[in-house]
Amino acid sequence: MAFYFMHSEDLFKKTEIIRETNKEKQKIVLGSEYNTIKTCKHGHQSQFKKTEIIRETNKETQNIVLGSEYNTEYKEFKVEHQFFWIDINECATNNGGCGQVCTNTVGSYTCSCHTGYTLNSNQKSCTDTVECNSNNGGCEDNCVNTAGSYYCTCNAGFSLNSDQRNCDNINECNQGNGGCEHTCTDTVGSFSCSCNSGYQLTAGGHCSDKNECNSNNGGCDHTCVNTVGSY
Protein backbone atom coordinates (compact mmCIF):
# COMPACT_ATOMS: atom_id res chain seq x y z
CA MET A 1 0.00 0.00 0.00
CA ALA A 2 1.43 3.37 -1.03
CA PHE A 3 0.24 6.84 -0.09
CA TYR A 4 0.84 9.97 -2.11
CA PHE A 5 0.01 13.48 -0.93
CA MET A 6 -2.19 15.91 -2.83
CA HIS A 7 -3.60 19.19 -1.53
CA SER A 8 -6.85 20.51 -2.92
CA GLU A 9 -6.92 23.93 -4.56
CA ASP A 10 -8.67 25.37 -1.53
CA LEU A 11 -5.66 24.64 0.71
CA PHE A 12 -6.98 26.34 3.80
CA LYS A 13 -10.34 24.52 3.88
CA LYS A 14 -9.62 20.91 2.98
CA THR A 15 -6.68 18.55 2.67
CA GLU A 16 -6.68 15.32 0.66
CA ILE A 17 -4.37 12.39 0.07
CA ILE A 18 -4.58 9.76 -2.62
CA ARG A 19 -4.14 6.07 -1.91
CA GLU A 20 -2.82 4.49 -5.07
CA THR A 21 -2.74 0.76 -5.91
CA ASN A 22 -2.31 -1.12 -9.16
CA LYS A 23 -6.05 -1.32 -9.68
CA GLU A 24 -7.51 1.89 -8.34
CA LYS A 25 -7.02 5.32 -6.90
CA GLN A 26 -8.94 6.24 -3.80
CA LYS A 27 -9.15 9.75 -2.41
CA ILE A 28 -9.19 10.15 1.35
CA VAL A 29 -10.29 13.49 2.77
CA LEU A 30 -9.19 14.54 6.23
CA GLY A 31 -11.81 16.50 8.10
CA SER A 32 -9.50 18.74 10.10
CA GLU A 33 -8.05 21.85 8.46
CA TYR A 34 -4.35 22.01 7.56
CA ASN A 35 -3.72 18.34 8.42
CA THR A 36 -2.20 15.58 6.29
CA ILE A 37 -1.01 12.07 7.08
CA LYS A 38 1.62 9.70 5.83
CA THR A 39 2.66 6.11 6.45
CA CYS A 40 5.38 5.55 9.01
CA LYS A 41 7.21 2.59 10.48
CA HIS A 42 6.94 3.91 14.02
CA GLY A 43 4.24 5.44 16.16
CA HIS A 44 3.94 9.20 16.43
CA GLN A 45 1.87 11.61 18.45
CA SER A 46 -0.79 13.78 16.91
CA GLN A 47 -0.82 17.48 17.71
CA PHE A 48 -4.39 17.80 16.53
CA LYS A 49 -7.54 17.08 18.46
CA LYS A 50 -9.18 14.71 16.01
CA THR A 51 -8.49 13.37 12.53
CA GLU A 52 -10.12 10.34 10.92
CA ILE A 53 -8.67 8.22 8.13
CA ILE A 54 -9.45 4.85 6.61
CA ARG A 55 -6.92 2.08 6.92
CA GLU A 56 -7.28 -0.95 4.64
CA THR A 57 -5.77 -4.38 5.14
CA ASN A 58 -6.00 -7.49 3.00
CA LYS A 59 -8.95 -8.77 4.99
CA GLU A 60 -10.89 -5.75 6.15
CA THR A 61 -11.43 -2.04 6.06
CA GLN A 62 -11.08 -0.34 9.41
CA ASN A 63 -11.79 3.21 10.53
CA ILE A 64 -9.04 4.62 12.70
CA VAL A 65 -9.58 7.78 14.66
CA LEU A 66 -6.43 9.64 15.69
CA GLY A 67 -7.98 10.96 18.82
CA SER A 68 -6.90 12.79 21.95
CA GLU A 69 -4.67 15.78 21.53
CA TYR A 70 -0.90 15.11 21.99
CA ASN A 71 -1.53 11.53 23.02
CA THR A 72 -2.21 9.19 20.07
CA GLU A 73 0.11 6.65 18.49
CA TYR A 74 -0.37 4.37 15.47
CA LYS A 75 2.29 2.39 13.68
CA GLU A 76 1.54 3.43 10.11
CA PHE A 77 0.17 6.96 10.22
CA LYS A 78 1.47 10.34 11.22
CA VAL A 79 -0.60 13.50 11.39
CA GLU A 80 1.14 16.57 9.99
CA HIS A 81 0.60 20.19 9.10
CA GLN A 82 0.61 20.55 5.35
CA PHE A 83 3.48 23.06 5.52
CA PHE A 84 5.86 21.33 7.92
CA TRP A 85 6.79 17.92 9.29
CA ILE A 86 6.30 16.93 12.90
CA ASP A 87 9.75 15.73 13.87
CA ILE A 88 10.36 12.75 16.15
CA ASN A 89 12.72 13.59 19.00
CA GLU A 90 14.76 10.40 19.20
CA CYS A 91 16.73 11.89 22.09
CA ALA A 92 13.62 11.76 24.28
CA THR A 93 13.85 7.96 24.47
CA ASN A 94 16.90 6.48 26.17
CA ASN A 95 18.93 9.51 25.06
CA GLY A 96 18.76 8.14 21.52
CA GLY A 97 21.18 5.41 22.57
CA CYS A 98 23.94 8.03 22.87
CA GLY A 99 26.54 7.57 25.57
CA GLN A 100 26.68 11.27 26.37
CA VAL A 101 25.10 14.03 24.25
CA CYS A 102 22.13 13.45 21.95
CA THR A 103 21.20 16.26 19.55
CA ASN A 104 17.86 16.05 17.79
CA THR A 105 17.75 17.14 14.15
CA VAL A 106 14.91 17.32 11.64
CA GLY A 107 14.21 13.72 10.71
CA SER A 108 17.20 12.32 12.57
CA TYR A 109 19.61 12.86 15.47
CA THR A 110 23.34 12.78 16.22
CA CYS A 111 25.45 11.67 19.15
CA SER A 112 28.41 13.65 20.40
CA CYS A 113 30.74 13.65 23.38
CA HIS A 114 31.73 16.06 26.09
CA THR A 115 35.09 17.81 25.89
CA GLY A 116 37.83 15.30 26.65
CA TYR A 117 36.01 12.35 25.08
CA THR A 118 36.05 10.88 21.57
CA LEU A 119 33.06 9.42 19.71
CA ASN A 120 33.56 5.73 18.94
CA SER A 121 33.09 4.15 15.51
CA ASN A 122 29.55 3.07 16.48
CA GLN A 123 28.69 6.80 16.51
CA LYS A 124 27.05 6.42 19.92
CA SER A 125 29.43 5.64 22.79
CA CYS A 126 32.32 7.80 23.99
CA THR A 127 35.86 6.99 25.10
CA ASP A 128 38.09 9.13 27.26
CA THR A 129 40.67 11.02 25.20
CA VAL A 130 44.17 10.55 26.63
CA GLU A 131 45.50 14.02 25.89
CA CYS A 132 48.90 13.12 27.35
CA ASN A 133 49.54 10.77 24.41
CA SER A 134 49.79 13.73 22.04
CA ASN A 135 52.80 15.99 22.59
CA ASN A 136 52.66 15.27 26.34
CA GLY A 137 49.41 17.25 26.43
CA GLY A 138 51.46 20.41 25.87
CA CYS A 139 52.99 20.04 29.35
CA GLU A 140 56.65 20.98 29.81
CA ASP A 141 57.30 18.42 32.55
CA ASN A 142 54.59 15.96 33.56
CA CYS A 143 51.14 15.27 32.07
CA VAL A 144 48.49 13.55 34.21
CA ASN A 145 45.40 12.15 32.45
CA THR A 146 42.01 12.25 34.16
CA ALA A 147 38.53 11.17 33.03
CA GLY A 148 37.58 13.70 30.38
CA SER A 149 40.52 15.99 31.02
CA TYR A 150 44.18 16.23 32.10
CA TYR A 151 46.53 18.52 33.99
CA CYS A 152 50.22 19.39 34.05
CA THR A 153 52.64 19.17 36.99
CA CYS A 154 56.26 20.21 37.42
CA ASN A 155 59.35 18.49 38.77
CA ALA A 156 60.65 19.34 42.23
CA GLY A 157 62.10 22.83 42.35
CA PHE A 158 59.72 24.18 39.71
CA SER A 159 56.24 25.70 39.87
CA LEU A 160 53.49 25.66 37.26
CA ASN A 161 53.27 28.79 35.16
CA SER A 162 49.99 30.71 34.83
CA ASP A 163 49.51 29.04 31.43
CA GLN A 164 49.09 25.76 33.36
CA ARG A 165 51.61 24.07 31.04
CA ASN A 166 55.11 25.48 31.43
CA CYS A 167 57.28 25.31 34.54
CA ASP A 168 59.24 28.09 36.23
CA ASN A 169 62.21 27.68 38.52
CA ILE A 170 61.38 28.21 42.19
CA ASN A 171 63.82 30.51 43.99
CA GLU A 172 63.76 28.77 47.34
CA CYS A 173 66.02 31.46 48.79
CA ASN A 174 63.17 33.96 48.56
CA GLN A 175 61.24 32.08 51.21
CA GLY A 176 62.88 32.10 54.63
CA ASN A 177 66.35 32.16 53.06
CA GLY A 178 65.68 28.58 51.93
CA GLY A 179 66.07 27.48 55.54
CA CYS A 180 69.77 28.34 55.44
CA GLU A 181 71.28 29.89 58.58
CA HIS A 182 73.86 31.94 56.68
CA THR A 183 73.95 32.01 52.87
CA CYS A 184 71.36 30.58 50.42
CA THR A 185 72.33 30.15 46.76
CA ASP A 186 69.57 29.43 44.22
CA THR A 187 70.22 26.91 41.43
CA VAL A 188 68.05 25.64 38.57
CA GLY A 189 65.49 23.41 40.22
CA SER A 190 67.19 23.51 43.60
CA PHE A 191 69.34 25.58 46.02
CA SER A 192 72.28 25.21 48.39
CA CYS A 193 73.30 26.54 51.79
CA SER A 194 76.77 27.71 52.79
CA CYS A 195 78.35 29.24 55.87
CA ASN A 196 80.48 32.29 56.57
CA SER A 197 84.22 31.94 57.02
CA GLY A 198 85.06 30.22 60.28
CA TYR A 199 81.86 28.14 60.28
CA GLN A 200 81.01 24.74 58.90
CA LEU A 201 77.68 23.52 57.45
CA THR A 202 75.65 21.07 59.50
CA ALA A 203 72.36 19.29 58.97
CA GLY A 204 69.29 21.37 58.13
CA GLY A 205 71.26 24.28 56.69
CA HIS A 206 72.69 25.29 60.06
CA CYS A 207 76.21 26.56 60.65
CA SER A 208 78.48 25.76 63.59
CA ASP A 209 81.78 27.24 64.63
CA LYS A 210 84.74 25.64 62.93
CA ASN A 211 87.62 24.85 65.27
CA GLU A 212 90.53 25.76 63.06
CA CYS A 213 92.98 24.63 65.75
CA ASN A 214 91.95 21.02 65.15
CA SER A 215 93.60 21.11 61.75
CA ASN A 216 97.41 21.39 61.85
CA ASN A 217 97.17 23.53 65.02
CA GLY A 218 95.62 26.23 62.88
CA GLY A 219 99.07 26.76 61.36
CA CYS A 220 100.39 28.13 64.66
CA ASP A 221 103.98 27.33 65.75
CA HIS A 222 103.11 27.18 69.43
CA THR A 223 99.57 27.69 70.77
CA CYS A 224 96.30 27.90 68.76
CA VAL A 225 93.27 29.42 70.50
CA ASN A 226 89.87 28.87 68.84
CA THR A 227 87.26 31.66 68.91
CA VAL A 228 83.71 31.87 67.52
CA GLY A 229 84.16 32.03 63.78
CA SER A 230 87.90 32.40 64.00
CA TYR A 231 91.06 31.50 66.01
C-alpha atoms as a PDB file:
ATOM      1  CA  MET A   1       0.000   0.000   0.000  1.00  0.00           C
ATOM      2  CA  ALA A   2       1.433   3.372  -1.025  1.00  0.00           C
ATOM      3  CA  PHE A   3       0.236   6.839  -0.090  1.00  0.00           C
ATOM      4  CA  TYR A   4       0.840   9.973  -2.109  1.00  0.00           C
ATOM      5  CA  PHE A   5       0.009  13.477  -0.935  1.00  0.00           C
ATOM      6  CA  MET A   6      -2.191  15.912  -2.833  1.00  0.00           C
ATOM      7  CA  HIS A   7      -3.596  19.193  -1.528  1.00  0.00           C
ATOM      8  CA  SER A   8      -6.850  20.511  -2.924  1.00  0.00           C
ATOM      9  CA  GLU A   9      -6.922  23.931  -4.563  1.00  0.00           C
ATOM     10  CA  ASP A  10      -8.668  25.367  -1.534  1.00  0.00           C
ATOM     11  CA  LEU A  11      -5.658  24.642   0.715  1.00  0.00           C
ATOM     12  CA  PHE A  12      -6.984  26.342   3.803  1.00  0.00           C
ATOM     13  CA  LYS A  13     -10.337  24.519   3.881  1.00  0.00           C
ATOM     14  CA  LYS A  14      -9.616  20.915   2.975  1.00  0.00           C
ATOM     15  CA  THR A  15      -6.676  18.548   2.670  1.00  0.00           C
ATOM     16  CA  GLU A  16      -6.679  15.316   0.664  1.00  0.00           C
ATOM     17  CA  ILE A  17      -4.372  12.387   0.070  1.00  0.00           C
ATOM     18  CA  ILE A  18      -4.583   9.756  -2.621  1.00  0.00           C
ATOM     19  CA  ARG A  19      -4.139   6.067  -1.911  1.00  0.00           C
ATOM     20  CA  GLU A  20      -2.820   4.488  -5.072  1.00  0.00           C
ATOM     21  CA  THR A  21      -2.742   0.758  -5.908  1.00  0.00           C
ATOM     22  CA  ASN A  22      -2.307  -1.121  -9.165  1.00  0.00           C
ATOM     23  CA  LYS A  23      -6.049  -1.324  -9.681  1.00  0.00           C
ATOM     24  CA  GLU A  24      -7.510   1.892  -8.343  1.00  0.00           C
ATOM     25  CA  LYS A  25      -7.016   5.317  -6.900  1.00  0.00           C
ATOM     26  CA  GLN A  26      -8.935   6.237  -3.796  1.00  0.00           C
ATOM     27  CA  LYS A  27      -9.146   9.746  -2.414  1.00  0.00           C
ATOM     28  CA  ILE A  28      -9.187  10.148   1.353  1.00  0.00           C
ATOM     29  CA  VAL A  29     -10.288  13.489   2.767  1.00  0.00           C
ATOM     30  CA  LEU A  30      -9.192  14.539   6.232  1.00  0.00           C
ATOM     31  CA  GLY A  31     -11.806  16.501   8.099  1.00  0.00           C
ATOM     32  CA  SER A  32      -9.500  18.743  10.101  1.00  0.00           C
ATOM     33  CA  GLU A  33      -8.048  21.848   8.464  1.00  0.00           C
ATOM     34  CA  TYR A  34      -4.346  22.006   7.565  1.00  0.00           C
ATOM     35  CA  ASN A  35      -3.718  18.339   8.417  1.00  0.00           C
ATOM     36  CA  THR A  36      -2.203  15.585   6.290  1.00  0.00           C
ATOM     37  CA  ILE A  37      -1.013  12.073   7.078  1.00  0.00           C
ATOM     38  CA  LYS A  38       1.623   9.703   5.827  1.00  0.00           C
ATOM     39  CA  THR A  39       2.660   6.108   6.453  1.00  0.00           C
ATOM     40  CA  CYS A  40       5.383   5.546   9.011  1.00  0.00           C
ATOM     41  CA  LYS A  41       7.213   2.590  10.485  1.00  0.00           C
ATOM     42  CA  HIS A  42       6.942   3.907  14.018  1.00  0.00           C
ATOM     43  CA  GLY A  43       4.236   5.440  16.160  1.00  0.00           C
ATOM     44  CA  HIS A  44       3.936   9.203  16.428  1.00  0.00           C
ATOM     45  CA  GLN A  45       1.867  11.610  18.455  1.00  0.00           C
ATOM     46  CA  SER A  46      -0.785  13.777  16.912  1.00  0.00           C
ATOM     47  CA  GLN A  47      -0.818  17.480  17.714  1.00  0.00           C
ATOM     48  CA  PHE A  48      -4.390  17.805  16.532  1.00  0.00           C
ATOM     49  CA  LYS A  49      -7.544  17.077  18.459  1.00  0.00           C
ATOM     50  CA  LYS A  50      -9.180  14.712  16.009  1.00  0.00           C
ATOM     51  CA  THR A  51      -8.493  13.366  12.527  1.00  0.00           C
ATOM     52  CA  GLU A  52     -10.124  10.336  10.922  1.00  0.00           C
ATOM     53  CA  ILE A  53      -8.670   8.222   8.132  1.00  0.00           C
ATOM     54  CA  ILE A  54      -9.451   4.846   6.607  1.00  0.00           C
ATOM     55  CA  ARG A  55      -6.919   2.079   6.925  1.00  0.00           C
ATOM     56  CA  GLU A  56      -7.279  -0.947   4.640  1.00  0.00           C
ATOM     57  CA  THR A  57      -5.770  -4.379   5.138  1.00  0.00           C
ATOM     58  CA  ASN A  58      -6.001  -7.492   3.000  1.00  0.00           C
ATOM     59  CA  LYS A  59      -8.946  -8.766   4.994  1.00  0.00           C
ATOM     60  CA  GLU A  60     -10.891  -5.748   6.148  1.00  0.00           C
ATOM     61  CA  THR A  61     -11.432  -2.040   6.065  1.00  0.00           C
ATOM     62  CA  GLN A  62     -11.084  -0.337   9.411  1.00  0.00           C
ATOM     63  CA  ASN A  63     -11.787   3.209  10.527  1.00  0.00           C
ATOM     64  CA  ILE A  64      -9.040   4.621  12.702  1.00  0.00           C
ATOM     65  CA  VAL A  65      -9.580   7.784  14.664  1.00  0.00           C
ATOM     66  CA  LEU A  66      -6.434   9.641  15.688  1.00  0.00           C
ATOM     67  CA  GLY A  67      -7.979  10.960  18.818  1.00  0.00           C
ATOM     68  CA  SER A  68      -6.897  12.788  21.945  1.00  0.00           C
ATOM     69  CA  GLU A  69      -4.666  15.782  21.532  1.00  0.00           C
ATOM     70  CA  TYR A  70      -0.895  15.112  21.987  1.00  0.00           C
ATOM     71  CA  ASN A  71      -1.532  11.530  23.018  1.00  0.00           C
ATOM     72  CA  THR A  72      -2.212   9.189  20.071  1.00  0.00           C
ATOM     73  CA  GLU A  73       0.112   6.646  18.494  1.00  0.00           C
ATOM     74  CA  TYR A  74      -0.369   4.374  15.472  1.00  0.00           C
ATOM     75  CA  LYS A  75       2.289   2.394  13.677  1.00  0.00           C
ATOM     76  CA  GLU A  76       1.541   3.430  10.108  1.00  0.00           C
ATOM     77  CA  PHE A  77       0.169   6.964  10.221  1.00  0.00           C
ATOM     78  CA  LYS A  78       1.471  10.342  11.225  1.00  0.00           C
ATOM     79  CA  VAL A  79      -0.597  13.500  11.391  1.00  0.00           C
ATOM     80  CA  GLU A  80       1.137  16.574   9.993  1.00  0.00           C
ATOM     81  CA  HIS A  81       0.602  20.191   9.103  1.00  0.00           C
ATOM     82  CA  GLN A  82       0.615  20.546   5.347  1.00  0.00           C
ATOM     83  CA  PHE A  83       3.478  23.064   5.525  1.00  0.00           C
ATOM     84  CA  PHE A  84       5.855  21.332   7.921  1.00  0.00           C
ATOM     85  CA  TRP A  85       6.786  17.917   9.293  1.00  0.00           C
ATOM     86  CA  ILE A  86       6.298  16.932  12.904  1.00  0.00           C
ATOM     87  CA  ASP A  87       9.753  15.727  13.870  1.00  0.00           C
ATOM     88  CA  ILE A  88      10.363  12.749  16.147  1.00  0.00           C
ATOM     89  CA  ASN A  89      12.720  13.589  19.003  1.00  0.00           C
ATOM     90  CA  GLU A  90      14.760  10.399  19.198  1.00  0.00           C
ATOM     91  CA  CYS A  91      16.727  11.891  22.092  1.00  0.00           C
ATOM     92  CA  ALA A  92      13.624  11.764  24.284  1.00  0.00           C
ATOM     93  CA  THR A  93      13.852   7.957  24.471  1.00  0.00           C
ATOM     94  CA  ASN A  94      16.904   6.481  26.175  1.00  0.00           C
ATOM     95  CA  ASN A  95      18.934   9.512  25.061  1.00  0.00           C
ATOM     96  CA  GLY A  96      18.761   8.143  21.522  1.00  0.00           C
ATOM     97  CA  GLY A  97      21.182   5.414  22.569  1.00  0.00           C
ATOM     98  CA  CYS A  98      23.943   8.029  22.865  1.00  0.00           C
ATOM     99  CA  GLY A  99      26.537   7.575  25.567  1.00  0.00           C
ATOM    100  CA  GLN A 100      26.679  11.272  26.371  1.00  0.00           C
ATOM    101  CA  VAL A 101      25.102  14.028  24.253  1.00  0.00           C
ATOM    102  CA  CYS A 102      22.125  13.453  21.946  1.00  0.00           C
ATOM    103  CA  THR A 103      21.201  16.263  19.549  1.00  0.00           C
ATOM    104  CA  ASN A 104      17.863  16.053  17.788  1.00  0.00           C
ATOM    105  CA  THR A 105      17.750  17.145  14.147  1.00  0.00           C
ATOM    106  CA  VAL A 106      14.913  17.322  11.643  1.00  0.00           C
ATOM    107  CA  GLY A 107      14.213  13.722  10.708  1.00  0.00           C
ATOM    108  CA  SER A 108      17.199  12.322  12.571  1.00  0.00           C
ATOM    109  CA  TYR A 109      19.612  12.856  15.466  1.00  0.00           C
ATOM    110  CA  THR A 110      23.335  12.780  16.217  1.00  0.00           C
ATOM    111  CA  CYS A 111      25.454  11.670  19.146  1.00  0.00           C
ATOM    112  CA  SER A 112      28.413  13.654  20.403  1.00  0.00           C
ATOM    113  CA  CYS A 113      30.743  13.646  23.381  1.00  0.00           C
ATOM    114  CA  HIS A 114      31.727  16.063  26.089  1.00  0.00           C
ATOM    115  CA  THR A 115      35.090  17.809  25.886  1.00  0.00           C
ATOM    116  CA  GLY A 116      37.830  15.303  26.649  1.00  0.00           C
ATOM    117  CA  TYR A 117      36.010  12.352  25.082  1.00  0.00           C
ATOM    118  CA  THR A 118      36.054  10.879  21.565  1.00  0.00           C
ATOM    119  CA  LEU A 119      33.055   9.416  19.712  1.00  0.00           C
ATOM    120  CA  ASN A 120      33.561   5.730  18.937  1.00  0.00           C
ATOM    121  CA  SER A 121      33.087   4.149  15.508  1.00  0.00           C
ATOM    122  CA  ASN A 122      29.552   3.070  16.477  1.00  0.00           C
ATOM    123  CA  GLN A 123      28.695   6.804  16.509  1.00  0.00           C
ATOM    124  CA  LYS A 124      27.047   6.416  19.917  1.00  0.00           C
ATOM    125  CA  SER A 125      29.428   5.638  22.787  1.00  0.00           C
ATOM    126  CA  CYS A 126      32.315   7.801  23.987  1.00  0.00           C
ATOM    127  CA  THR A 127      35.855   6.986  25.101  1.00  0.00           C
ATOM    128  CA  ASP A 128      38.093   9.130  27.258  1.00  0.00           C
ATOM    129  CA  THR A 129      40.666  11.015  25.198  1.00  0.00           C
ATOM    130  CA  VAL A 130      44.170  10.547  26.625  1.00  0.00           C
ATOM    131  CA  GLU A 131      45.499  14.021  25.885  1.00  0.00           C
ATOM    132  CA  CYS A 132      48.898  13.116  27.347  1.00  0.00           C
ATOM    133  CA  ASN A 133      49.543  10.771  24.413  1.00  0.00           C
ATOM    134  CA  SER A 134      49.790  13.726  22.041  1.00  0.00           C
ATOM    135  CA  ASN A 135      52.801  15.989  22.592  1.00  0.00           C
ATOM    136  CA  ASN A 136      52.658  15.274  26.336  1.00  0.00           C
ATOM    137  CA  GLY A 137      49.411  17.254  26.426  1.00  0.00           C
ATOM    138  CA  GLY A 138      51.461  20.405  25.874  1.00  0.00           C
ATOM    139  CA  CYS A 139      52.993  20.035  29.348  1.00  0.00           C
ATOM    140  CA  GLU A 140      56.650  20.979  29.814  1.00  0.00           C
ATOM    141  CA  ASP A 141      57.305  18.425  32.553  1.00  0.00           C
ATOM    142  CA  ASN A 142      54.591  15.962  33.557  1.00  0.00           C
ATOM    143  CA  CYS A 143      51.141  15.271  32.073  1.00  0.00           C
ATOM    144  CA  VAL A 144      48.492  13.545  34.213  1.00  0.00           C
ATOM    145  CA  ASN A 145      45.404  12.154  32.448  1.00  0.00           C
ATOM    146  CA  THR A 146      42.009  12.252  34.159  1.00  0.00           C
ATOM    147  CA  ALA A 147      38.528  11.166  33.028  1.00  0.00           C
ATOM    148  CA  GLY A 148      37.575  13.704  30.381  1.00  0.00           C
ATOM    149  CA  SER A 149      40.519  15.986  31.024  1.00  0.00           C
ATOM    150  CA  TYR A 150      44.180  16.234  32.098  1.00  0.00           C
ATOM    151  CA  TYR A 151      46.533  18.517  33.993  1.00  0.00           C
ATOM    152  CA  CYS A 152      50.224  19.387  34.053  1.00  0.00           C
ATOM    153  CA  THR A 153      52.641  19.166  36.987  1.00  0.00           C
ATOM    154  CA  CYS A 154      56.263  20.215  37.424  1.00  0.00           C
ATOM    155  CA  ASN A 155      59.346  18.489  38.766  1.00  0.00           C
ATOM    156  CA  ALA A 156      60.654  19.341  42.232  1.00  0.00           C
ATOM    157  CA  GLY A 157      62.096  22.830  42.354  1.00  0.00           C
ATOM    158  CA  PHE A 158      59.718  24.177  39.713  1.00  0.00           C
ATOM    159  CA  SER A 159      56.243  25.703  39.869  1.00  0.00           C
ATOM    160  CA  LEU A 160      53.486  25.655  37.260  1.00  0.00           C
ATOM    161  CA  ASN A 161      53.266  28.792  35.158  1.00  0.00           C
ATOM    162  CA  SER A 162      49.989  30.709  34.835  1.00  0.00           C
ATOM    163  CA  ASP A 163      49.510  29.039  31.427  1.00  0.00           C
ATOM    164  CA  GLN A 164      49.089  25.756  33.360  1.00  0.00           C
ATOM    165  CA  ARG A 165      51.607  24.072  31.041  1.00  0.00           C
ATOM    166  CA  ASN A 166      55.109  25.477  31.431  1.00  0.00           C
ATOM    167  CA  CYS A 167      57.277  25.309  34.543  1.00  0.00           C
ATOM    168  CA  ASP A 168      59.245  28.095  36.232  1.00  0.00           C
ATOM    169  CA  ASN A 169      62.213  27.683  38.521  1.00  0.00           C
ATOM    170  CA  ILE A 170      61.383  28.214  42.185  1.00  0.00           C
ATOM    171  CA  ASN A 171      63.820  30.512  43.989  1.00  0.00           C
ATOM    172  CA  GLU A 172      63.763  28.768  47.343  1.00  0.00           C
ATOM    173  CA  CYS A 173      66.024  31.462  48.790  1.00  0.00           C
ATOM    174  CA  ASN A 174      63.175  33.964  48.556  1.00  0.00           C
ATOM    175  CA  GLN A 175      61.243  32.085  51.208  1.00  0.00           C
ATOM    176  CA  GLY A 176      62.877  32.099  54.627  1.00  0.00           C
ATOM    177  CA  ASN A 177      66.353  32.162  53.065  1.00  0.00           C
ATOM    178  CA  GLY A 178      65.681  28.584  51.934  1.00  0.00           C
ATOM    179  CA  GLY A 179      66.066  27.479  55.541  1.00  0.00           C
ATOM    180  CA  CYS A 180      69.770  28.344  55.443  1.00  0.00           C
ATOM    181  CA  GLU A 181      71.284  29.890  58.577  1.00  0.00           C
ATOM    182  CA  HIS A 182      73.858  31.944  56.684  1.00  0.00           C
ATOM    183  CA  THR A 183      73.952  32.011  52.872  1.00  0.00           C
ATOM    184  CA  CYS A 184      71.355  30.578  50.415  1.00  0.00           C
ATOM    185  CA  THR A 185      72.329  30.151  46.762  1.00  0.00           C
ATOM    186  CA  ASP A 186      69.575  29.428  44.219  1.00  0.00           C
ATOM    187  CA  THR A 187      70.224  26.907  41.429  1.00  0.00           C
ATOM    188  CA  VAL A 188      68.047  25.638  38.569  1.00  0.00           C
ATOM    189  CA  GLY A 189      65.487  23.408  40.223  1.00  0.00           C
ATOM    190  CA  SER A 190      67.189  23.506  43.599  1.00  0.00           C
ATOM    191  CA  PHE A 191      69.343  25.578  46.019  1.00  0.00           C
ATOM    192  CA  SER A 192      72.276  25.209  48.386  1.00  0.00           C
ATOM    193  CA  CYS A 193      73.299  26.542  51.794  1.00  0.00           C
ATOM    194  CA  SER A 194      76.767  27.706  52.791  1.00  0.00           C
ATOM    195  CA  CYS A 195      78.349  29.243  55.870  1.00  0.00           C
ATOM    196  CA  ASN A 196      80.477  32.291  56.568  1.00  0.00           C
ATOM    197  CA  SER A 197      84.223  31.944  57.019  1.00  0.00           C
ATOM    198  CA  GLY A 198      85.063  30.219  60.283  1.00  0.00           C
ATOM    199  CA  TYR A 199      81.856  28.141  60.284  1.00  0.00           C
ATOM    200  CA  GLN A 200      81.012  24.745  58.902  1.00  0.00           C
ATOM    201  CA  LEU A 201      77.682  23.520  57.449  1.00  0.00           C
ATOM    202  CA  THR A 202      75.649  21.075  59.498  1.00  0.00           C
ATOM    203  CA  ALA A 203      72.356  19.292  58.972  1.00  0.00           C
ATOM    204  CA  GLY A 204      69.286  21.371  58.134  1.00  0.00           C
ATOM    205  CA  GLY A 205      71.265  24.277  56.690  1.00  0.00           C
ATOM    206  CA  HIS A 206      72.691  25.288  60.064  1.00  0.00           C
ATOM    207  CA  CYS A 207      76.215  26.564  60.651  1.00  0.00           C
ATOM    208  CA  SER A 208      78.478  25.764  63.595  1.00  0.00           C
ATOM    209  CA  ASP A 209      81.781  27.236  64.630  1.00  0.00           C
ATOM    210  CA  LYS A 210      84.738  25.641  62.932  1.00  0.00           C
ATOM    211  CA  ASN A 211      87.623  24.848  65.268  1.00  0.00           C
ATOM    212  CA  GLU A 212      90.534  25.755  63.065  1.00  0.00           C
ATOM    213  CA  CYS A 213      92.977  24.627  65.754  1.00  0.00           C
ATOM    214  CA  ASN A 214      91.954  21.021  65.147  1.00  0.00           C
ATOM    215  CA  SER A 215      93.600  21.106  61.746  1.00  0.00           C
ATOM    216  CA  ASN A 216      97.409  21.388  61.854  1.00  0.00           C
ATOM    217  CA  ASN A 217      97.168  23.530  65.024  1.00  0.00           C
ATOM    218  CA  GLY A 218      95.617  26.231  62.880  1.00  0.00           C
ATOM    219  CA  GLY A 219      99.070  26.763  61.365  1.00  0.00           C
ATOM    220  CA  CYS A 220     100.386  28.131  64.660  1.00  0.00           C
ATOM    221  CA  ASP A 221     103.978  27.334  65.747  1.00  0.00           C
ATOM    222  CA  HIS A 222     103.112  27.178  69.427  1.00  0.00           C
ATOM    223  CA  THR A 223      99.569  27.692  70.772  1.00  0.00           C
ATOM    224  CA  CYS A 224      96.302  27.900  68.760  1.00  0.00           C
ATOM    225  CA  VAL A 225      93.272  29.423  70.498  1.00  0.00           C
ATOM    226  CA  ASN A 226      89.872  28.869  68.845  1.00  0.00           C
ATOM    227  CA  THR A 227      87.262  31.664  68.908  1.00  0.00           C
ATOM    228  CA  VAL A 228      83.708  31.870  67.518  1.00  0.00           C
ATOM    229  CA  GLY A 229      84.159  32.030  63.781  1.00  0.00           C
ATOM    230  CA  SER A 230      87.904  32.400  64.001  1.00  0.00           C
ATOM    231  CA  TYR A 231      91.061  31.500  66.014  1.00  0.00           C
END
